[in-house]
Amino acid sequence: MVLEVTGEVLLHQDPADGRYPAPERYERGRHVPVPESVGVTPELSVDTLLDGD
């Protein structure tokens, strides 16, 4: 899993052949689900990720 924060949050998951397929995009006001493979189940606020609060 790779999170890229550029005015929106791009979630890159499940690499294949050393590359990530098209990311899932999350805009302000939404929450990013954390994949089960991370070992926790919270959701991250996009606003918090973008603003650093």
Protein backbone atom coordinates (compact mmCIF):
# COMPACT_ATOMS: atom_id res chain seq x y z
CA MET A 1 0.00 0.00 0.00
CA VAL A 2 1.28 3.45 -0.89
CA LEU A 3 -0.52 6.70 -0.03
CA GLU A 4 0.22 9.71 -2.23
CA VAL A 5 -1.12 13.07 -1.00
CA THR A 6 -1.45 15.79 -3.67
CA GLY A 7 -4.65 17.76 -2.99
CA GLU A 8 -6.37 14.41 -2.93
CA VAL A 9 -5.27 11.06 -1.58
CA LEU A 10 -4.29 8.34 -4.05
CA LEU A 11 -4.24 4.81 -2.65
CA HIS A 12 -1.95 2.44 -4.56
CA GLN A 13 -2.44 -1.26 -3.74
CA ASP A 14 -1.70 -4.73 -5.05
CA PRO A 15 1.42 -4.23 -7.18
CA ALA A 16 1.82 -6.51 -10.18
CA ASP A 17 5.10 -6.98 -12.02
CA GLY A 18 6.70 -4.24 -9.90
CA ARG A 19 4.07 -1.65 -10.81
CA TYR A 20 0.88 -0.43 -9.21
CA PRO A 21 -2.35 -0.39 -11.23
CA ALA A 22 -4.51 2.75 -11.34
CA PRO A 23 -4.92 4.15 -7.81
CA GLU A 24 -8.16 4.65 -5.93
CA ARG A 25 -8.80 8.40 -5.53
CA TYR A 26 -10.20 9.99 -2.38
CA GLU A 27 -11.19 13.65 -2.12
CA ARG A 28 -11.70 15.90 0.89
CA GLY A 29 -14.59 14.95 3.15
CA ARG A 30 -14.09 11.23 2.54
CA HIS A 31 -12.32 8.51 4.51
CA VAL A 32 -9.68 6.11 3.24
CA PRO A 33 -10.23 2.52 4.36
CA VAL A 34 -7.07 0.87 5.63
CA PRO A 35 -6.45 -2.52 3.98
CA GLU A 36 -6.72 -5.55 6.30
CA SER A 37 -3.12 -6.47 5.47
CA VAL A 38 -1.98 -3.47 7.57
CA GLY A 39 -3.33 -5.25 10.65
CA VAL A 40 -5.65 -2.49 11.90
CA THR A 41 -9.15 -1.45 10.86
CA PRO A 42 -9.49 2.34 11.27
CA GLU A 43 -10.38 4.66 8.42
CA LEU A 44 -8.20 7.70 7.76
CA SER A 45 -9.76 11.11 7.18
CA VAL A 46 -8.62 12.59 3.86
CA ASP A 47 -8.82 16.09 5.42
CA THR A 48 -6.44 15.01 8.19
CA LEU A 49 -4.00 13.49 5.71
CA LEU A 50 -4.02 16.63 3.54
CA ASP A 51 -3.90 19.18 6.38
CA GLY A 52 -1.66 17.27 8.77
CA ASP A 53 -4.02 17.79 11.72
